[in-house]
N, C-alpha and C. Protein backbone atom coordinates (compact mmCIF):
# COMPACT_ATOMS: atom_id res chain seq x y z
N MET A 1 86.08 -15.50 -220.58
CA MET A 1 86.61 -16.50 -221.48
C MET A 1 86.68 -15.90 -222.88
N GLN A 2 87.86 -15.89 -223.45
CA GLN A 2 88.09 -15.37 -224.80
C GLN A 2 88.47 -16.53 -225.70
N LEU A 3 87.56 -16.95 -226.57
CA LEU A 3 87.84 -18.08 -227.45
C LEU A 3 88.53 -17.60 -228.71
N THR A 4 89.53 -18.36 -229.14
CA THR A 4 90.22 -18.06 -230.38
C THR A 4 90.17 -19.30 -231.28
N TYR A 5 90.12 -19.05 -232.57
CA TYR A 5 90.11 -20.12 -233.56
C TYR A 5 91.44 -20.06 -234.32
N GLN A 6 92.25 -21.10 -234.14
CA GLN A 6 93.60 -21.11 -234.70
C GLN A 6 93.68 -22.12 -235.84
N LYS A 7 94.24 -21.69 -236.98
CA LYS A 7 94.49 -22.62 -238.08
C LYS A 7 95.63 -23.54 -237.68
N LEU A 8 95.54 -24.79 -238.10
CA LEU A 8 96.58 -25.76 -237.75
C LEU A 8 97.71 -25.73 -238.77
N GLY A 9 98.92 -25.95 -238.29
CA GLY A 9 100.07 -26.05 -239.17
C GLY A 9 100.16 -27.44 -239.78
N GLN A 10 100.95 -27.58 -240.81
CA GLN A 10 101.07 -28.85 -241.50
C GLN A 10 101.70 -29.93 -240.63
N ASP A 11 102.41 -29.55 -239.58
CA ASP A 11 103.04 -30.52 -238.70
C ASP A 11 102.08 -31.04 -237.62
N HIS A 12 100.89 -30.48 -237.52
CA HIS A 12 99.90 -30.92 -236.52
C HIS A 12 99.26 -32.23 -236.96
N PRO A 13 99.07 -33.20 -236.05
CA PRO A 13 98.50 -34.50 -236.45
C PRO A 13 97.07 -34.42 -236.97
N MET A 14 96.33 -33.39 -236.65
CA MET A 14 94.94 -33.26 -237.12
C MET A 14 94.83 -32.37 -238.36
N TYR A 15 95.97 -31.95 -238.94
CA TYR A 15 95.96 -31.09 -240.12
C TYR A 15 95.23 -31.80 -241.26
N GLY A 16 94.30 -31.12 -241.90
CA GLY A 16 93.53 -31.69 -243.00
C GLY A 16 92.25 -32.38 -242.54
N LYS A 17 92.17 -32.73 -241.27
CA LYS A 17 90.98 -33.39 -240.74
C LYS A 17 90.03 -32.39 -240.10
N VAL A 18 90.57 -31.30 -239.55
CA VAL A 18 89.77 -30.28 -238.90
C VAL A 18 90.16 -28.91 -239.46
N GLU A 19 89.27 -27.94 -239.29
CA GLU A 19 89.53 -26.60 -239.80
C GLU A 19 90.31 -25.74 -238.80
N PHE A 20 89.86 -25.75 -237.53
CA PHE A 20 90.47 -24.89 -236.52
C PHE A 20 90.66 -25.62 -235.20
N LEU A 21 91.57 -25.10 -234.39
CA LEU A 21 91.74 -25.51 -233.01
C LEU A 21 91.13 -24.39 -232.18
N VAL A 22 90.11 -24.71 -231.38
CA VAL A 22 89.45 -23.71 -230.54
C VAL A 22 90.19 -23.68 -229.21
N ALA A 23 90.58 -22.48 -228.79
CA ALA A 23 91.35 -22.35 -227.55
C ALA A 23 90.82 -21.19 -226.71
N ASP A 24 91.01 -21.32 -225.40
CA ASP A 24 90.72 -20.25 -224.46
C ASP A 24 92.07 -19.66 -224.08
N GLY A 25 92.43 -18.59 -224.74
CA GLY A 25 93.77 -18.04 -224.56
C GLY A 25 94.78 -18.97 -225.20
N THR A 26 95.58 -19.65 -224.38
CA THR A 26 96.56 -20.61 -224.90
C THR A 26 96.20 -22.05 -224.57
N THR A 27 95.04 -22.27 -223.93
CA THR A 27 94.61 -23.61 -223.55
C THR A 27 93.66 -24.18 -224.59
N PRO A 28 94.06 -25.24 -225.32
CA PRO A 28 93.17 -25.83 -226.32
C PRO A 28 91.91 -26.41 -225.68
N ILE A 29 90.76 -26.24 -226.35
CA ILE A 29 89.50 -26.74 -225.82
C ILE A 29 88.96 -27.85 -226.70
N CYS A 30 88.84 -27.61 -228.01
CA CYS A 30 88.29 -28.61 -228.92
C CYS A 30 88.68 -28.24 -230.36
N TYR A 31 88.25 -29.06 -231.31
CA TYR A 31 88.49 -28.80 -232.73
C TYR A 31 87.19 -28.39 -233.39
N LYS A 32 87.26 -27.55 -234.42
CA LYS A 32 86.09 -27.18 -235.20
C LYS A 32 86.24 -27.77 -236.59
N THR A 33 85.20 -28.48 -237.03
CA THR A 33 85.16 -29.05 -238.37
C THR A 33 83.97 -28.46 -239.10
N LYS A 34 83.82 -28.82 -240.38
CA LYS A 34 82.65 -28.35 -241.12
C LYS A 34 81.37 -28.90 -240.53
N ALA A 35 81.42 -30.08 -239.96
CA ALA A 35 80.23 -30.73 -239.40
C ALA A 35 79.92 -30.28 -237.97
N GLY A 36 80.84 -29.62 -237.31
CA GLY A 36 80.61 -29.19 -235.93
C GLY A 36 81.90 -29.19 -235.13
N TYR A 37 81.79 -29.45 -233.85
CA TYR A 37 82.94 -29.42 -232.96
C TYR A 37 83.29 -30.83 -232.51
N LEU A 38 84.58 -31.10 -232.35
CA LEU A 38 85.07 -32.40 -231.88
C LEU A 38 85.88 -32.19 -230.62
N PRO A 39 85.80 -33.13 -229.67
CA PRO A 39 86.64 -33.00 -228.47
C PRO A 39 88.10 -33.25 -228.83
N LEU A 40 88.98 -32.79 -227.98
CA LEU A 40 90.41 -33.03 -228.18
C LEU A 40 90.67 -34.52 -228.03
N GLU A 41 91.34 -35.11 -228.98
CA GLU A 41 91.70 -36.53 -228.91
C GLU A 41 93.21 -36.61 -228.74
N SER A 42 93.60 -36.85 -227.51
CA SER A 42 95.04 -36.92 -227.23
C SER A 42 95.28 -38.02 -226.22
N ASN A 43 96.50 -38.18 -225.83
CA ASN A 43 96.85 -39.21 -224.85
C ASN A 43 96.81 -38.65 -223.44
N THR A 44 95.86 -37.80 -223.14
CA THR A 44 95.72 -37.25 -221.81
C THR A 44 95.02 -38.26 -220.92
N SER A 45 94.90 -37.93 -219.66
CA SER A 45 94.28 -38.85 -218.71
C SER A 45 92.81 -39.10 -219.03
N ALA A 46 92.19 -38.30 -219.85
CA ALA A 46 90.79 -38.50 -220.20
C ALA A 46 90.60 -39.75 -221.04
N ASN A 47 91.61 -40.16 -221.77
CA ASN A 47 91.47 -41.30 -222.67
C ASN A 47 92.11 -42.58 -222.13
N ARG A 48 92.75 -42.52 -220.99
CA ARG A 48 93.43 -43.70 -220.45
C ARG A 48 92.51 -44.46 -219.50
N VAL A 49 92.79 -45.71 -219.34
CA VAL A 49 92.04 -46.55 -218.40
C VAL A 49 93.03 -47.12 -217.40
N VAL A 50 92.68 -47.07 -216.12
CA VAL A 50 93.54 -47.58 -215.07
C VAL A 50 93.21 -49.05 -214.86
N ASN A 51 94.21 -49.92 -214.92
CA ASN A 51 94.07 -51.36 -214.72
C ASN A 51 93.04 -51.99 -215.66
N ASN A 52 92.77 -51.38 -216.77
CA ASN A 52 91.82 -51.87 -217.77
C ASN A 52 90.40 -52.07 -217.24
N THR A 53 90.10 -51.61 -216.04
CA THR A 53 88.75 -51.78 -215.49
C THR A 53 88.16 -50.49 -214.94
N GLU A 54 89.00 -49.60 -214.49
CA GLU A 54 88.52 -48.40 -213.81
C GLU A 54 88.96 -47.16 -214.58
N ALA A 55 88.01 -46.35 -215.03
CA ALA A 55 88.32 -45.14 -215.78
C ALA A 55 88.67 -44.00 -214.81
N ILE A 56 89.54 -43.14 -215.24
CA ILE A 56 89.92 -41.98 -214.46
C ILE A 56 88.84 -40.93 -214.61
N GLU A 57 88.46 -40.32 -213.50
CA GLU A 57 87.46 -39.26 -213.57
C GLU A 57 88.13 -37.97 -214.04
N VAL A 58 87.51 -37.34 -215.01
CA VAL A 58 88.08 -36.15 -215.61
C VAL A 58 87.19 -34.96 -215.30
N LYS A 59 87.80 -33.86 -214.87
CA LYS A 59 87.03 -32.64 -214.64
C LYS A 59 86.74 -31.99 -215.99
N SER A 60 85.49 -31.63 -216.18
CA SER A 60 85.12 -30.99 -217.44
C SER A 60 84.13 -29.88 -217.16
N LYS A 61 83.98 -29.01 -218.14
CA LYS A 61 82.98 -27.94 -218.05
C LYS A 61 82.27 -27.86 -219.40
N PRO A 62 81.04 -27.37 -219.39
CA PRO A 62 80.28 -27.34 -220.65
C PRO A 62 80.71 -26.19 -221.56
N LEU A 63 80.61 -26.44 -222.85
CA LEU A 63 80.79 -25.42 -223.87
C LEU A 63 79.52 -25.44 -224.70
N TYR A 64 78.79 -24.34 -224.69
CA TYR A 64 77.52 -24.25 -225.40
C TYR A 64 77.75 -23.60 -226.76
N VAL A 65 77.24 -24.25 -227.81
CA VAL A 65 77.36 -23.72 -229.16
C VAL A 65 75.96 -23.38 -229.65
N LEU A 66 75.74 -22.12 -229.97
CA LEU A 66 74.47 -21.63 -230.48
C LEU A 66 74.58 -21.49 -231.99
N SER A 67 73.78 -22.27 -232.72
CA SER A 67 73.78 -22.22 -234.18
C SER A 67 72.47 -21.57 -234.63
N PHE A 68 72.56 -20.71 -235.63
CA PHE A 68 71.36 -20.02 -236.12
C PHE A 68 71.64 -19.50 -237.52
N LYS A 69 70.60 -19.00 -238.17
CA LYS A 69 70.74 -18.41 -239.50
C LYS A 69 70.27 -16.96 -239.44
N VAL A 70 71.08 -16.08 -240.01
CA VAL A 70 70.73 -14.67 -240.14
C VAL A 70 70.51 -14.40 -241.62
N ASN A 71 69.28 -14.12 -241.98
CA ASN A 71 68.91 -13.90 -243.38
C ASN A 71 69.41 -15.05 -244.27
N GLY A 72 69.30 -16.27 -243.77
CA GLY A 72 69.67 -17.46 -244.55
C GLY A 72 71.12 -17.88 -244.45
N GLU A 73 71.98 -17.09 -243.82
CA GLU A 73 73.40 -17.43 -243.70
C GLU A 73 73.67 -18.03 -242.32
N LYS A 74 74.39 -19.16 -242.28
CA LYS A 74 74.68 -19.85 -241.03
C LYS A 74 75.67 -19.07 -240.18
N GLU A 75 75.40 -19.04 -238.89
CA GLU A 75 76.28 -18.39 -237.91
C GLU A 75 76.37 -19.27 -236.68
N GLU A 76 77.43 -19.11 -235.91
CA GLU A 76 77.63 -19.84 -234.66
C GLU A 76 78.25 -18.93 -233.62
N MET A 77 77.86 -19.15 -232.37
CA MET A 77 78.45 -18.45 -231.23
C MET A 77 78.71 -19.49 -230.15
N THR A 78 79.76 -19.29 -229.37
CA THR A 78 80.06 -20.21 -228.27
C THR A 78 79.93 -19.47 -226.95
N PHE A 79 79.46 -20.20 -225.94
CA PHE A 79 79.27 -19.64 -224.61
C PHE A 79 79.79 -20.63 -223.57
N SER A 80 80.34 -20.11 -222.49
CA SER A 80 80.73 -20.97 -221.38
C SER A 80 79.72 -20.86 -220.25
N SER A 81 78.79 -19.91 -220.37
CA SER A 81 77.78 -19.67 -219.34
C SER A 81 76.39 -19.96 -219.89
N LYS A 82 75.65 -20.81 -219.20
CA LYS A 82 74.27 -21.13 -219.59
C LYS A 82 73.38 -19.89 -219.48
N LYS A 83 73.64 -19.04 -218.50
CA LYS A 83 72.86 -17.83 -218.30
C LYS A 83 72.99 -16.89 -219.51
N ASN A 84 74.23 -16.69 -219.97
CA ASN A 84 74.45 -15.83 -221.14
C ASN A 84 73.84 -16.44 -222.40
N LEU A 85 73.91 -17.76 -222.52
CA LEU A 85 73.30 -18.45 -223.65
C LEU A 85 71.79 -18.22 -223.67
N ASP A 86 71.14 -18.39 -222.52
CA ASP A 86 69.70 -18.20 -222.44
C ASP A 86 69.29 -16.76 -222.78
N LYS A 87 70.09 -15.79 -222.34
CA LYS A 87 69.81 -14.39 -222.68
C LYS A 87 69.88 -14.17 -224.19
N GLN A 88 70.90 -14.74 -224.81
CA GLN A 88 71.08 -14.57 -226.25
C GLN A 88 69.96 -15.25 -227.03
N ILE A 89 69.54 -16.44 -226.60
CA ILE A 89 68.44 -17.14 -227.26
C ILE A 89 67.15 -16.32 -227.15
N ALA A 90 66.89 -15.77 -225.98
CA ALA A 90 65.68 -14.94 -225.79
C ALA A 90 65.71 -13.72 -226.70
N LEU A 91 66.87 -13.10 -226.84
CA LEU A 91 67.01 -11.93 -227.71
C LEU A 91 66.83 -12.31 -229.17
N TYR A 92 67.47 -13.39 -229.60
CA TYR A 92 67.40 -13.79 -231.00
C TYR A 92 66.04 -14.35 -231.39
N SER A 93 65.33 -14.96 -230.47
CA SER A 93 64.03 -15.53 -230.81
C SER A 93 62.99 -14.44 -231.10
N GLU A 94 63.25 -13.22 -230.65
CA GLU A 94 62.35 -12.09 -230.93
C GLU A 94 62.58 -11.50 -232.31
N LYS A 95 63.71 -11.77 -232.91
CA LYS A 95 64.06 -11.20 -234.21
C LYS A 95 63.52 -12.08 -235.33
N ALA A 96 62.81 -11.47 -236.29
CA ALA A 96 62.20 -12.22 -237.39
C ALA A 96 63.23 -12.71 -238.40
N PHE A 97 64.34 -11.99 -238.54
CA PHE A 97 65.35 -12.37 -239.53
C PHE A 97 66.32 -13.43 -239.04
N ILE A 98 66.22 -13.83 -237.76
CA ILE A 98 67.06 -14.90 -237.21
C ILE A 98 66.20 -16.16 -237.09
N THR A 99 66.63 -17.23 -237.77
CA THR A 99 65.86 -18.48 -237.79
C THR A 99 66.75 -19.67 -237.43
N ASP A 100 66.14 -20.83 -237.31
CA ASP A 100 66.83 -22.11 -237.06
C ASP A 100 67.78 -22.04 -235.86
N ILE A 101 67.28 -21.58 -234.73
CA ILE A 101 68.11 -21.46 -233.52
C ILE A 101 68.22 -22.83 -232.87
N LYS A 102 69.47 -23.32 -232.74
CA LYS A 102 69.73 -24.62 -232.12
C LYS A 102 70.91 -24.49 -231.16
N THR A 103 70.85 -25.29 -230.10
CA THR A 103 71.92 -25.29 -229.11
C THR A 103 72.52 -26.69 -228.99
N THR A 104 73.83 -26.75 -228.96
CA THR A 104 74.55 -28.01 -228.76
C THR A 104 75.50 -27.81 -227.58
N THR A 105 75.56 -28.81 -226.71
CA THR A 105 76.43 -28.72 -225.54
C THR A 105 77.55 -29.75 -225.67
N TYR A 106 78.77 -29.29 -225.45
CA TYR A 106 79.95 -30.15 -225.47
C TYR A 106 80.62 -30.06 -224.11
N LYS A 107 81.30 -31.12 -223.71
CA LYS A 107 82.08 -31.10 -222.47
C LYS A 107 83.53 -30.88 -222.84
N THR A 108 84.15 -29.91 -222.20
CA THR A 108 85.55 -29.62 -222.45
C THR A 108 86.36 -29.98 -221.20
N ILE A 109 87.55 -30.45 -221.41
CA ILE A 109 88.41 -30.85 -220.31
C ILE A 109 89.00 -29.61 -219.65
N VAL A 110 88.95 -29.60 -218.32
CA VAL A 110 89.47 -28.45 -217.57
C VAL A 110 90.93 -28.65 -217.31
């Protein structure tokens, strides 16, 4: 999985509200803001309700965001694999100059 952070054009409906569009190749995953990550808000089947009573089941996969500070400067990394995330946390927790290690999990639409 190769994540890219794309700046939005002025014609995009989320322009000015978010900083980047996070994508896996050409498939959008979520938005990045100063406060964190937001799920894609669109008129896809994830947001529709069938007969106003039954929600459509949406396939999703986790996106792990590792936030930490290196010598006081904030950094973030994203992972699609829990195993790789755990390895990175174990490595960073041994380093004295890396502090405030936090993990946030988001669900992304497949």
